[in-house]
N, C-alpha and C. Protein backbone atom coordinates (compact mmCIF):
# COMPACT_ATOMS: atom_id res chain seq x y z
N UNK A 1 -24.81 26.89 43.67
CA UNK A 1 -24.12 27.49 42.56
C UNK A 1 -22.79 26.78 42.28
N UNK A 2 -22.06 26.41 43.36
CA UNK A 2 -20.79 25.70 43.19
C UNK A 2 -21.01 24.37 42.47
N UNK A 3 -22.12 23.68 42.80
CA UNK A 3 -22.42 22.41 42.15
C UNK A 3 -22.69 22.62 40.67
N UNK A 4 -23.37 23.70 40.31
CA UNK A 4 -23.66 23.99 38.92
C UNK A 4 -22.37 24.27 38.15
N UNK A 5 -21.47 25.04 38.74
CA UNK A 5 -20.20 25.34 38.10
C UNK A 5 -19.37 24.07 37.95
N UNK A 6 -19.32 23.24 38.99
CA UNK A 6 -18.59 21.98 38.93
C UNK A 6 -19.18 21.06 37.87
N UNK A 7 -20.51 20.97 37.82
CA UNK A 7 -21.18 20.14 36.81
C UNK A 7 -20.85 20.65 35.41
N UNK A 8 -20.90 21.98 35.22
CA UNK A 8 -20.62 22.57 33.92
C UNK A 8 -19.18 22.27 33.49
N UNK A 9 -18.23 22.40 34.40
CA UNK A 9 -16.83 22.09 34.08
C UNK A 9 -16.66 20.62 33.72
N UNK A 10 -17.28 19.75 34.50
CA UNK A 10 -17.18 18.32 34.24
C UNK A 10 -17.82 17.97 32.89
N UNK A 11 -18.99 18.53 32.62
CA UNK A 11 -19.69 18.26 31.37
C UNK A 11 -18.87 18.76 30.16
N UNK A 12 -18.30 19.96 30.27
CA UNK A 12 -17.47 20.52 29.20
C UNK A 12 -16.24 19.64 28.98
N UNK A 13 -15.65 19.18 30.06
CA UNK A 13 -14.49 18.30 29.96
C UNK A 13 -14.84 17.00 29.24
N UNK A 14 -15.98 16.42 29.57
CA UNK A 14 -16.42 15.19 28.92
C UNK A 14 -16.68 15.41 27.43
N UNK A 15 -17.30 16.53 27.09
CA UNK A 15 -17.55 16.82 25.68
C UNK A 15 -16.26 16.97 24.90
N UNK A 16 -15.27 17.62 25.48
CA UNK A 16 -14.00 17.78 24.76
C UNK A 16 -13.31 16.44 24.58
N UNK A 17 -13.46 15.53 25.52
CA UNK A 17 -12.90 14.18 25.36
C UNK A 17 -13.59 13.46 24.23
N UNK A 18 -14.91 13.58 24.14
CA UNK A 18 -15.66 12.94 23.06
C UNK A 18 -15.26 13.51 21.72
N UNK A 19 -15.08 14.82 21.64
CA UNK A 19 -14.66 15.43 20.38
C UNK A 19 -13.31 14.91 19.94
N UNK A 20 -12.39 14.70 20.86
CA UNK A 20 -11.07 14.18 20.51
C UNK A 20 -11.19 12.78 19.92
N UNK A 21 -12.00 11.93 20.54
CA UNK A 21 -12.18 10.58 20.00
C UNK A 21 -12.75 10.62 18.60
N UNK A 22 -13.75 11.48 18.37
CA UNK A 22 -14.33 11.61 17.04
C UNK A 22 -13.28 12.06 16.03
N UNK A 23 -12.42 13.00 16.43
CA UNK A 23 -11.40 13.47 15.51
C UNK A 23 -10.38 12.38 15.22
N UNK A 24 -10.04 11.55 16.20
CA UNK A 24 -9.10 10.45 15.96
C UNK A 24 -9.66 9.50 14.90
N UNK A 25 -10.95 9.20 14.99
CA UNK A 25 -11.58 8.29 14.05
C UNK A 25 -11.66 8.92 12.66
N UNK A 26 -11.76 10.24 12.59
CA UNK A 26 -11.90 10.92 11.32
C UNK A 26 -10.63 11.67 10.92
N UNK A 27 -9.49 11.10 11.27
CA UNK A 27 -8.22 11.69 10.89
C UNK A 27 -8.15 11.87 9.38
N UNK A 28 -7.37 12.85 8.96
CA UNK A 28 -7.14 13.04 7.54
C UNK A 28 -6.22 11.93 7.06
N UNK A 29 -6.58 11.31 5.96
CA UNK A 29 -5.75 10.24 5.41
C UNK A 29 -4.47 10.84 4.84
N UNK A 30 -3.37 10.06 4.86
CA UNK A 30 -2.15 10.55 4.22
C UNK A 30 -2.40 10.73 2.72
N UNK A 31 -1.66 11.62 2.09
CA UNK A 31 -1.88 11.84 0.65
C UNK A 31 -1.51 10.60 -0.17
N UNK A 32 -2.11 10.49 -1.33
CA UNK A 32 -1.78 9.41 -2.27
C UNK A 32 -0.49 9.81 -2.98
N UNK A 33 0.63 9.19 -2.58
CA UNK A 33 1.95 9.52 -3.12
C UNK A 33 2.51 8.34 -3.91
N UNK A 34 3.68 8.54 -4.52
CA UNK A 34 4.33 7.48 -5.30
C UNK A 34 5.84 7.51 -5.06
N UNK A 35 6.23 7.63 -3.79
CA UNK A 35 7.65 7.77 -3.46
C UNK A 35 8.19 6.63 -2.59
N UNK A 36 7.35 5.65 -2.26
CA UNK A 36 7.77 4.61 -1.33
C UNK A 36 7.66 5.08 0.11
N UNK A 37 6.69 5.93 0.41
CA UNK A 37 6.56 6.60 1.71
C UNK A 37 6.20 5.67 2.87
N UNK A 38 5.78 4.44 2.60
CA UNK A 38 5.42 3.53 3.68
C UNK A 38 4.06 3.84 4.28
N UNK A 39 3.09 4.12 3.42
CA UNK A 39 1.74 4.45 3.91
C UNK A 39 0.71 3.45 3.38
N UNK A 40 -0.33 3.26 4.20
CA UNK A 40 -1.48 2.43 3.82
C UNK A 40 -2.66 3.00 4.60
N UNK A 41 -3.70 3.43 3.90
CA UNK A 41 -4.85 4.03 4.57
C UNK A 41 -6.10 3.92 3.71
N UNK A 42 -7.25 4.07 4.35
CA UNK A 42 -8.54 4.08 3.66
C UNK A 42 -9.60 4.58 4.64
N UNK A 43 -10.82 4.63 4.16
CA UNK A 43 -11.98 4.91 5.02
C UNK A 43 -12.81 3.64 5.06
N UNK A 44 -13.21 3.24 6.27
CA UNK A 44 -14.09 2.08 6.44
C UNK A 44 -15.41 2.61 6.98
N UNK A 45 -16.45 2.52 6.17
CA UNK A 45 -17.75 3.09 6.52
C UNK A 45 -17.60 4.53 7.00
N UNK A 46 -16.73 5.28 6.34
CA UNK A 46 -16.54 6.69 6.65
C UNK A 46 -15.52 6.99 7.73
N UNK A 47 -15.00 5.97 8.42
CA UNK A 47 -14.02 6.17 9.49
C UNK A 47 -12.61 5.93 8.95
N UNK A 48 -11.69 6.76 9.41
CA UNK A 48 -10.30 6.65 8.95
C UNK A 48 -9.65 5.37 9.46
N UNK A 49 -8.99 4.67 8.56
CA UNK A 49 -8.17 3.48 8.85
C UNK A 49 -6.78 3.84 8.36
N UNK A 50 -5.84 4.01 9.28
CA UNK A 50 -4.47 4.36 8.92
C UNK A 50 -3.54 3.34 9.55
N UNK A 51 -2.73 2.70 8.72
CA UNK A 51 -1.82 1.67 9.22
C UNK A 51 -1.00 2.22 10.38
N UNK A 52 -0.98 1.46 11.48
CA UNK A 52 -0.27 1.89 12.69
C UNK A 52 1.06 1.18 12.89
N UNK A 53 1.51 0.44 11.87
CA UNK A 53 2.76 -0.30 12.02
C UNK A 53 4.00 0.54 11.73
N UNK A 54 3.82 1.78 11.36
CA UNK A 54 4.97 2.63 11.07
C UNK A 54 5.59 2.34 9.71
N UNK A 55 4.80 1.81 8.79
CA UNK A 55 5.30 1.54 7.44
C UNK A 55 5.98 0.20 7.29
N UNK A 56 5.84 -0.68 8.28
CA UNK A 56 6.49 -1.99 8.22
C UNK A 56 5.51 -3.11 7.87
N UNK A 57 4.54 -2.81 7.03
CA UNK A 57 3.59 -3.86 6.65
C UNK A 57 4.18 -4.72 5.55
N UNK A 58 3.59 -5.88 5.38
CA UNK A 58 4.08 -6.85 4.42
C UNK A 58 3.60 -6.49 3.01
N UNK A 59 4.52 -6.32 2.08
CA UNK A 59 4.17 -6.07 0.68
C UNK A 59 5.16 -6.84 -0.19
N UNK A 60 4.61 -7.60 -1.15
CA UNK A 60 5.47 -8.40 -2.02
C UNK A 60 4.88 -8.48 -3.42
N UNK A 61 5.74 -8.70 -4.40
CA UNK A 61 5.35 -9.04 -5.76
C UNK A 61 6.37 -10.07 -6.21
N UNK A 62 5.97 -11.33 -6.19
CA UNK A 62 6.92 -12.41 -6.36
C UNK A 62 6.49 -13.42 -7.41
N UNK A 63 7.48 -13.98 -8.08
CA UNK A 63 7.30 -15.04 -9.05
C UNK A 63 7.47 -16.37 -8.33
N UNK A 64 6.41 -17.19 -8.32
CA UNK A 64 6.44 -18.49 -7.66
C UNK A 64 5.94 -19.53 -8.66
N UNK A 65 6.78 -20.50 -8.97
CA UNK A 65 6.42 -21.56 -9.93
C UNK A 65 5.88 -21.00 -11.24
N UNK A 66 6.52 -19.93 -11.73
CA UNK A 66 6.16 -19.36 -13.01
C UNK A 66 4.96 -18.42 -13.00
N UNK A 67 4.38 -18.16 -11.85
CA UNK A 67 3.20 -17.28 -11.74
C UNK A 67 3.49 -16.18 -10.72
N UNK A 68 2.93 -15.00 -10.96
CA UNK A 68 3.14 -13.87 -10.06
C UNK A 68 2.06 -13.77 -8.99
N UNK A 69 2.49 -13.35 -7.81
CA UNK A 69 1.60 -13.11 -6.67
C UNK A 69 1.95 -11.74 -6.10
N UNK A 70 0.94 -10.89 -5.91
CA UNK A 70 1.10 -9.59 -5.28
C UNK A 70 0.29 -9.59 -4.00
N UNK A 71 0.83 -8.98 -2.96
CA UNK A 71 0.08 -8.87 -1.72
C UNK A 71 0.53 -7.69 -0.88
N UNK A 72 -0.44 -7.05 -0.24
CA UNK A 72 -0.15 -5.98 0.70
C UNK A 72 -1.23 -6.01 1.78
N UNK A 73 -0.81 -5.74 3.01
CA UNK A 73 -1.74 -5.76 4.14
C UNK A 73 -1.39 -4.63 5.09
N UNK A 74 -2.39 -3.85 5.46
CA UNK A 74 -2.22 -2.79 6.44
C UNK A 74 -3.05 -3.09 7.68
N UNK A 75 -2.55 -2.69 8.85
CA UNK A 75 -3.25 -2.93 10.12
C UNK A 75 -3.45 -1.63 10.87
N UNK A 76 -4.62 -1.48 11.46
CA UNK A 76 -4.90 -0.34 12.35
C UNK A 76 -5.37 -0.93 13.66
N UNK A 77 -4.44 -1.01 14.62
CA UNK A 77 -4.72 -1.66 15.91
C UNK A 77 -5.83 -0.96 16.71
N UNK A 78 -6.17 0.28 16.33
CA UNK A 78 -7.27 0.97 17.02
C UNK A 78 -8.59 0.22 16.85
N UNK A 79 -8.68 -0.64 15.84
CA UNK A 79 -9.93 -1.35 15.58
C UNK A 79 -9.91 -2.80 16.06
N UNK A 80 -8.86 -3.21 16.76
CA UNK A 80 -8.83 -4.57 17.33
C UNK A 80 -9.95 -4.69 18.35
N UNK A 81 -10.60 -5.83 18.36
CA UNK A 81 -11.71 -6.12 19.28
C UNK A 81 -12.87 -5.14 19.12
N UNK A 82 -13.16 -4.73 17.89
CA UNK A 82 -14.31 -3.88 17.59
C UNK A 82 -15.12 -4.56 16.49
N UNK A 83 -16.10 -3.86 16.00
CA UNK A 83 -16.95 -4.39 14.93
C UNK A 83 -16.46 -3.94 13.55
N UNK A 84 -15.24 -3.36 13.50
CA UNK A 84 -14.64 -2.84 12.27
C UNK A 84 -13.38 -3.64 11.98
N UNK A 85 -13.09 -3.92 10.70
CA UNK A 85 -11.85 -4.67 10.41
C UNK A 85 -10.62 -3.93 10.90
N UNK A 86 -9.70 -4.65 11.52
CA UNK A 86 -8.44 -4.05 11.97
C UNK A 86 -7.32 -4.31 10.97
N UNK A 87 -7.59 -5.13 9.97
CA UNK A 87 -6.59 -5.45 8.95
C UNK A 87 -7.28 -5.44 7.58
N UNK A 88 -6.66 -4.77 6.62
CA UNK A 88 -7.16 -4.70 5.25
C UNK A 88 -6.06 -5.24 4.34
N UNK A 89 -6.44 -6.10 3.38
CA UNK A 89 -5.44 -6.67 2.49
C UNK A 89 -5.92 -6.64 1.04
N UNK A 90 -4.96 -6.64 0.14
CA UNK A 90 -5.19 -6.70 -1.30
C UNK A 90 -4.20 -7.69 -1.87
N UNK A 91 -4.60 -8.44 -2.90
CA UNK A 91 -3.66 -9.37 -3.48
C UNK A 91 -4.11 -9.97 -4.79
N UNK A 92 -3.14 -10.55 -5.49
CA UNK A 92 -3.43 -11.29 -6.71
C UNK A 92 -3.02 -12.74 -6.51
N UNK A 93 -3.65 -13.61 -7.26
CA UNK A 93 -3.34 -15.02 -7.24
C UNK A 93 -3.01 -15.45 -8.67
N UNK A 94 -1.73 -15.74 -8.90
CA UNK A 94 -1.26 -16.16 -10.22
C UNK A 94 -1.67 -15.14 -11.28
N UNK A 95 -1.28 -13.87 -11.04
CA UNK A 95 -1.65 -12.79 -11.95
C UNK A 95 -0.57 -11.72 -11.92
N UNK A 96 -0.18 -11.24 -13.09
CA UNK A 96 0.77 -10.14 -13.17
C UNK A 96 0.03 -8.81 -12.99
N UNK A 97 0.77 -7.81 -12.53
CA UNK A 97 0.22 -6.47 -12.42
C UNK A 97 1.11 -5.52 -13.20
N UNK A 98 0.58 -4.38 -13.58
CA UNK A 98 1.40 -3.39 -14.27
C UNK A 98 0.94 -1.98 -13.89
N UNK A 99 1.82 -1.03 -14.10
CA UNK A 99 1.53 0.36 -13.76
C UNK A 99 0.35 0.87 -14.57
N UNK A 100 -0.50 1.67 -13.93
CA UNK A 100 -1.71 2.27 -14.51
C UNK A 100 -2.79 1.26 -14.85
N UNK A 101 -2.69 0.08 -14.31
CA UNK A 101 -3.69 -0.95 -14.55
C UNK A 101 -4.80 -0.86 -13.49
N UNK A 102 -6.04 -0.98 -13.93
CA UNK A 102 -7.19 -1.04 -13.03
C UNK A 102 -7.62 -2.51 -12.95
N UNK A 103 -7.56 -3.05 -11.73
CA UNK A 103 -7.87 -4.47 -11.53
C UNK A 103 -9.18 -4.62 -10.76
N UNK A 104 -10.13 -5.37 -11.30
CA UNK A 104 -11.36 -5.61 -10.54
C UNK A 104 -11.07 -6.52 -9.34
N UNK A 105 -11.65 -6.20 -8.20
CA UNK A 105 -11.48 -7.03 -7.00
C UNK A 105 -12.66 -7.98 -6.92
N UNK A 106 -12.35 -9.28 -7.02
CA UNK A 106 -13.36 -10.32 -7.08
C UNK A 106 -13.01 -11.43 -6.09
N UNK A 107 -13.51 -12.63 -6.34
CA UNK A 107 -13.24 -13.75 -5.44
C UNK A 107 -11.78 -14.19 -5.54
N UNK A 108 -11.34 -14.90 -4.52
CA UNK A 108 -9.95 -15.37 -4.45
C UNK A 108 -9.84 -16.68 -5.22
N UNK A 109 -9.48 -16.55 -6.50
CA UNK A 109 -9.21 -17.72 -7.33
C UNK A 109 -8.05 -17.37 -8.26
N UNK A 110 -7.44 -18.38 -8.87
CA UNK A 110 -6.33 -18.16 -9.79
C UNK A 110 -6.72 -17.15 -10.86
N UNK A 111 -5.82 -16.20 -11.13
CA UNK A 111 -6.03 -15.20 -12.16
C UNK A 111 -6.79 -13.97 -11.70
N UNK A 112 -7.22 -13.92 -10.45
CA UNK A 112 -7.99 -12.78 -9.93
C UNK A 112 -7.19 -11.91 -8.98
N UNK A 113 -7.76 -10.75 -8.72
CA UNK A 113 -7.30 -9.83 -7.69
C UNK A 113 -8.42 -9.73 -6.68
N UNK A 114 -8.08 -9.64 -5.40
CA UNK A 114 -9.12 -9.61 -4.36
C UNK A 114 -8.73 -8.64 -3.25
N UNK A 115 -9.71 -8.29 -2.46
CA UNK A 115 -9.51 -7.46 -1.29
C UNK A 115 -10.22 -8.10 -0.11
N UNK A 116 -9.79 -7.79 1.10
CA UNK A 116 -10.44 -8.39 2.25
C UNK A 116 -10.13 -7.67 3.54
N UNK A 117 -10.81 -8.11 4.59
CA UNK A 117 -10.62 -7.54 5.91
C UNK A 117 -10.66 -8.62 6.97
N UNK A 118 -9.90 -8.41 8.03
CA UNK A 118 -9.92 -9.31 9.18
C UNK A 118 -10.53 -8.56 10.35
N UNK A 119 -11.55 -9.17 10.94
CA UNK A 119 -12.24 -8.61 12.09
C UNK A 119 -11.76 -9.35 13.33
N UNK A 120 -11.47 -8.62 14.38
CA UNK A 120 -11.05 -9.21 15.65
C UNK A 120 -12.09 -8.82 16.69
N UNK A 121 -12.97 -9.76 17.02
CA UNK A 121 -14.04 -9.46 17.97
C UNK A 121 -13.60 -9.66 19.42
N UNK A 122 -12.58 -10.48 19.60
CA UNK A 122 -11.98 -10.69 20.93
C UNK A 122 -10.61 -11.30 20.70
N UNK A 123 -9.90 -11.60 21.77
CA UNK A 123 -8.57 -12.20 21.63
C UNK A 123 -8.62 -13.58 20.98
N UNK A 124 -9.77 -14.24 21.04
CA UNK A 124 -9.87 -15.60 20.49
C UNK A 124 -10.84 -15.71 19.32
N UNK A 125 -11.45 -14.60 18.90
CA UNK A 125 -12.45 -14.65 17.83
C UNK A 125 -12.05 -13.69 16.71
N UNK A 126 -11.37 -14.23 15.69
CA UNK A 126 -11.00 -13.48 14.49
C UNK A 126 -11.73 -14.09 13.31
N UNK A 127 -12.32 -13.24 12.48
CA UNK A 127 -13.02 -13.71 11.29
C UNK A 127 -12.66 -12.81 10.12
N UNK A 128 -12.70 -13.37 8.92
CA UNK A 128 -12.34 -12.59 7.75
C UNK A 128 -13.48 -12.55 6.74
N UNK A 129 -13.38 -11.62 5.85
CA UNK A 129 -14.33 -11.48 4.75
C UNK A 129 -13.58 -10.93 3.56
N UNK A 130 -13.96 -11.34 2.36
CA UNK A 130 -13.24 -10.86 1.18
C UNK A 130 -14.21 -10.56 0.05
N UNK A 131 -13.67 -9.90 -0.97
CA UNK A 131 -14.48 -9.58 -2.13
C UNK A 131 -14.95 -10.86 -2.81
N UNK A 132 -15.98 -10.73 -3.61
CA UNK A 132 -16.59 -11.88 -4.29
C UNK A 132 -17.26 -11.37 -5.56
N UNK A 133 -18.03 -12.21 -6.21
CA UNK A 133 -18.76 -11.75 -7.38
C UNK A 133 -19.86 -10.77 -7.00
N UNK A 134 -20.33 -10.83 -5.75
CA UNK A 134 -21.38 -9.91 -5.27
C UNK A 134 -20.79 -8.67 -4.60
N UNK A 135 -19.71 -8.83 -3.86
CA UNK A 135 -19.05 -7.73 -3.16
C UNK A 135 -17.73 -7.45 -3.89
N UNK A 136 -17.69 -6.38 -4.67
CA UNK A 136 -16.57 -6.13 -5.57
C UNK A 136 -15.90 -4.79 -5.26
N UNK A 137 -14.93 -4.44 -6.09
CA UNK A 137 -14.24 -3.16 -5.99
C UNK A 137 -13.18 -3.07 -7.05
N UNK A 138 -12.25 -2.13 -6.87
CA UNK A 138 -11.17 -1.93 -7.83
C UNK A 138 -9.87 -1.57 -7.13
N UNK A 139 -8.79 -2.03 -7.70
CA UNK A 139 -7.43 -1.67 -7.30
C UNK A 139 -6.76 -1.07 -8.53
N UNK A 140 -6.19 0.11 -8.39
CA UNK A 140 -5.44 0.75 -9.47
C UNK A 140 -3.99 0.84 -9.04
N UNK A 141 -3.11 0.23 -9.82
CA UNK A 141 -1.67 0.33 -9.56
C UNK A 141 -1.20 1.62 -10.21
N UNK A 142 -0.84 2.61 -9.41
CA UNK A 142 -0.44 3.91 -9.94
C UNK A 142 1.06 4.01 -10.19
N UNK A 143 1.84 3.16 -9.52
CA UNK A 143 3.29 3.12 -9.76
C UNK A 143 3.79 1.71 -9.47
N UNK A 144 4.62 1.20 -10.36
CA UNK A 144 5.28 -0.09 -10.16
C UNK A 144 6.70 0.06 -10.68
N UNK A 145 7.63 0.33 -9.77
CA UNK A 145 9.02 0.65 -10.08
C UNK A 145 9.90 -0.51 -9.61
N UNK A 146 10.39 -1.31 -10.57
CA UNK A 146 11.22 -2.47 -10.24
C UNK A 146 12.64 -2.08 -9.84
N UNK A 147 13.12 -0.93 -10.26
CA UNK A 147 14.46 -0.48 -9.90
C UNK A 147 14.53 -0.12 -8.43
N UNK A 148 13.57 0.67 -7.97
CA UNK A 148 13.56 1.13 -6.58
C UNK A 148 12.60 0.33 -5.69
N UNK A 149 11.96 -0.67 -6.25
CA UNK A 149 11.01 -1.54 -5.54
C UNK A 149 9.87 -0.76 -4.88
N UNK A 150 9.31 0.21 -5.61
CA UNK A 150 8.19 1.01 -5.11
C UNK A 150 6.91 0.55 -5.80
N UNK A 151 5.87 0.36 -5.00
CA UNK A 151 4.54 0.11 -5.55
C UNK A 151 3.56 1.04 -4.85
N UNK A 152 2.71 1.68 -5.63
CA UNK A 152 1.71 2.60 -5.11
C UNK A 152 0.39 2.28 -5.79
N UNK A 153 -0.69 2.57 -5.09
CA UNK A 153 -1.99 2.31 -5.68
C UNK A 153 -3.13 2.94 -4.90
N UNK A 154 -4.29 2.89 -5.52
CA UNK A 154 -5.53 3.32 -4.89
C UNK A 154 -6.52 2.17 -4.98
N UNK A 155 -7.49 2.16 -4.06
CA UNK A 155 -8.45 1.06 -4.07
C UNK A 155 -9.76 1.46 -3.39
N UNK A 156 -10.78 0.69 -3.70
CA UNK A 156 -12.07 0.73 -3.00
C UNK A 156 -12.70 -0.65 -3.16
N UNK A 157 -13.48 -1.07 -2.19
CA UNK A 157 -14.23 -2.31 -2.33
C UNK A 157 -15.25 -2.46 -1.20
N UNK A 158 -16.14 -3.41 -1.39
CA UNK A 158 -17.14 -3.78 -0.39
C UNK A 158 -16.89 -5.21 0.04
N UNK A 159 -17.16 -5.50 1.31
CA UNK A 159 -17.15 -6.87 1.81
C UNK A 159 -18.37 -7.05 2.71
N UNK A 160 -18.72 -8.28 2.93
CA UNK A 160 -19.84 -8.62 3.81
C UNK A 160 -19.32 -8.80 5.23
N UNK A 161 -19.94 -8.12 6.19
CA UNK A 161 -19.54 -8.29 7.60
C UNK A 161 -19.78 -9.75 7.99
N UNK A 162 -18.80 -10.42 8.59
CA UNK A 162 -18.91 -11.86 8.85
C UNK A 162 -19.97 -12.25 9.89
N UNK A 163 -20.40 -11.34 10.74
CA UNK A 163 -21.41 -11.72 11.74
C UNK A 163 -22.76 -11.04 11.52
N UNK A 164 -22.75 -9.79 11.03
CA UNK A 164 -24.03 -9.08 10.86
C UNK A 164 -24.59 -9.22 9.46
N UNK A 165 -23.73 -9.51 8.48
CA UNK A 165 -24.16 -9.59 7.09
C UNK A 165 -24.27 -8.23 6.41
N UNK A 166 -24.01 -7.15 7.14
CA UNK A 166 -24.08 -5.80 6.57
C UNK A 166 -22.93 -5.59 5.59
N UNK A 167 -23.14 -4.69 4.63
CA UNK A 167 -22.08 -4.33 3.70
C UNK A 167 -21.11 -3.37 4.38
N UNK A 168 -19.82 -3.71 4.32
CA UNK A 168 -18.76 -2.85 4.85
C UNK A 168 -18.12 -2.17 3.65
N UNK A 169 -18.11 -0.83 3.66
CA UNK A 169 -17.58 -0.06 2.54
C UNK A 169 -16.17 0.43 2.84
N UNK A 170 -15.22 0.00 2.02
CA UNK A 170 -13.85 0.47 2.10
C UNK A 170 -13.67 1.45 0.94
N UNK A 171 -13.33 2.70 1.26
CA UNK A 171 -13.26 3.76 0.25
C UNK A 171 -11.98 4.58 0.43
N UNK A 172 -11.65 5.35 -0.61
CA UNK A 172 -10.51 6.28 -0.60
C UNK A 172 -9.20 5.60 -0.22
N UNK A 173 -9.06 4.32 -0.54
CA UNK A 173 -7.86 3.58 -0.18
C UNK A 173 -6.65 4.02 -0.99
N UNK A 174 -5.50 4.01 -0.30
CA UNK A 174 -4.25 4.32 -0.97
C UNK A 174 -3.09 3.67 -0.22
N UNK A 175 -2.07 3.30 -0.97
CA UNK A 175 -0.84 2.79 -0.37
C UNK A 175 0.34 3.25 -1.21
N UNK A 176 1.48 3.35 -0.58
CA UNK A 176 2.71 3.76 -1.24
C UNK A 176 3.85 3.18 -0.40
N UNK A 177 4.52 2.16 -0.93
CA UNK A 177 5.50 1.45 -0.12
C UNK A 177 6.54 0.76 -0.98
N UNK A 178 7.48 0.13 -0.32
CA UNK A 178 8.47 -0.71 -0.96
C UNK A 178 7.97 -2.14 -0.97
N UNK A 179 8.32 -2.90 -2.00
CA UNK A 179 7.93 -4.31 -2.04
C UNK A 179 9.15 -5.20 -2.19
N UNK A 180 8.98 -6.44 -1.75
CA UNK A 180 10.04 -7.43 -1.91
C UNK A 180 9.71 -8.29 -3.14
N UNK A 181 10.77 -8.81 -3.77
CA UNK A 181 10.59 -9.68 -4.92
C UNK A 181 10.99 -11.08 -4.60
């Protein structure tokens, strides 16, 4: 009987640990705000991706040689050395952006907007994948405030997994941060 009670306690303890891990992966995403809150989050194949840098990710909107470049990248270190991207990025190449604009996410060429992910399979094996004419999505700039340097937006896109070839779905994306010029 003591062994049964011990087994039951151990089994219950293991189940509660598993439930905690599941809840961590399915955390509620931060709200889509427009205050410069320093947030970047999305769902990757249904799992929560929340930037773990504390709001210190790189975001810029800069004029270089007469053309504008926008970029933002969020990292979730919980996905390092897994089969899920640990870094998600969005950017434009020689393209202006404006508030309330919906930008199609396509291949990385001049005049386009793109999205991508970096996969870290080990300490020495990092691979990336980005949107293309086949794997697309959208970025909506919901706020672009040049006075306070706030940029906010929502996004979704698909990319091809670099090793399996499976479609990786990035959904419910949102960011709200300060940008440099």
